[in-house]
Each structure stands twice: as structure tokens, then as C-alpha cells.
């Protein structure tokens, strides 16, 4: 699949954004890519019944003694990639899959690289979390073990990216490599693979809406100002801001005797950063106010017995058309 002229133009604009460290698309870029800025597929959020009074502290990382939070990620290895928009969206979605499963079983982690390769919702030079959810309403995302994160997209020249094929084909959706190529092996694109879809999605704004969505249905993907976080080494961030240039996921909130309420935020810069990959952001700080949510559609899981077992070399799952996007 060739990269479209529209997407190349979007990438050019995104590269300019990242030179100023803005990893989020503007509304104009979202529209140009064929998505709806702050789009909603239904009014289900408005129909949620919020609590009369929310607890002072609430987190999906420890709800009634169960951890529903999935893995921390690092968007900047093996090389720099401004893909926070995909990490924030998929981290929140992975948590919601875990919530749907009652916190039981192995974590099911969607592939950020599949989104970079195929969704058209952004690149290593910026994108949009809401566009990820819109794409997943009619497509599925494979899991990390089928398409590991490379931190590459077509325009990215960092590290080894210029030597990597990131076109959207069967190999770059889900693959396995059964043997050394000198032994007659090689990699196989799969047409059967575990995956996740989105049933519903939307955008919200403001503390009340954020708390209602998190408390009722799970973590959300939000934007904030990353500049005050670059050298963050713990504590509650209170800096005011007027810009939004980075996407994260919000898993809950807490209350501090001195600073008051704060959001519990999972970043995508690795566990070495911040408070083991997390940061606490005071309500009203860092322009953390506008978010995207998605409800889980279909997903593959051991307990659902809805998976297809492929051979080690993938021969019984090999995609017939290796050049087109595979959707299952």
C-alpha cells in the first residue's frame, strides 16, 4: 500500500509540530486524515449516571484490591517516536479490556505498531487519540506479540527506521517468523490473530465529565502540556498552562492535604521516568481537561475460547493476499 499524498502532507505538518515538541494533530489535520475532531459515535457518556459524591481517591490500578492497569510503555525506544497519541489511546483501551475480564488472566496488550502502520491516525511526528478510536470502530488492532513496537513510521528517519517497511500489509499487521531464512524460513503475515475492536467512542471535556467516565467505565486518553514534565522527578505537578502537546491516559484521581485533588496519569516514557512511569497532576494544571474514551467491542481472550491456534511457522494462518490490510 502506497502512502497517500494527503498523509504525506499531514506528516510534513506533523514534523513541524514535533520540532516544537507538539505530538498532537490540530483539528484541521484530523479532518484532512478523514476523521472527526472530538467525534462521538453515540451519546452514551451523557446517559451515564454519575455518583452523587465521588470518593476522594479512586484508581483502576487498585480498585477493591484488584489492579486493572496494564503495562507501562516507552514510546521513545528503540528510537525517538512522537506516538504518544497511539500509546495513550491503546493503554486506556487495554485497561478497559482488563476491566471487562474482571481483572483475571494474562494482560492483553494491543499493538501500537499496527496502529502506526495502518490506522492513518498519525505517525512518529504526531497524531490523534480520538482518530485511533474512530478507526477501531470499523477495524481491529492486533496484539503486541504479533506486531511489536518499532517506534517507526514511513517518514521517521531516526535510528533504523529508514530500513524498515511500515506499509500496511499482512506482514505489518500480524506476523510470525518460523525459522532462519537460510533454512528456508522467513516471516509470514497472518490472517488469523488475536485482536481488539471498539464498540463506542467519544470526546469529553471538564473535571466532572472526566470523573464520571473514569469512575463508570475506565481509564481515558487525554491531552496535556508536556513541557513541565520533561524533568519531573516526583510529586504533584501544579504548573498552569495554555497549550496541549502530548497524550497520556488517566487512570484515576487522588486528594492531597496541601494541593487538593489531582489526576493519576500514566505516561508513555517508561518506568524509569517519574513515579515509576506515572505522574500526579493537580486538577486544573497542565491544561489537562480534554479527553477521549472508547468502550470495548469484540476481543480475543483465552476464557472466551474465540481464538484460532496457528502453527509455529504460521503456515495454517498465512494471509492469502500479502499486500492488503487484513481485518478480522
Foldseek 3Di string as FASTA:
>chain_A
DDDDPLLVVLVVVLQVLCVVPFAADDQVSCVSLPHHVQDWPDCVLVVFDFDPDDDQWDFCCQDVHAGLFDDFAALAPPHQFSLLLLVALQRFVQSLVCVVVVVDDDGWGFASLLCLLPQSQHHSSHGHNQSSQVSLQPFKTATCVFAPDHSEHPVDPPDCRVVDDSHAWQSRRGKAWQDPVVVVTGMFRFLFGWIWGFNIKGKDWADVSQQSCCVPRFKWKWWFACVVQPPAAEDEDEAADDDTRGIWIFGIWHADPPQGIWTWTAGRRALVGHPRRIHTYGVNHRPGTMTMDTHIDDTDDPVVVPGDDADNRRPVGGDPTGNDHHGD
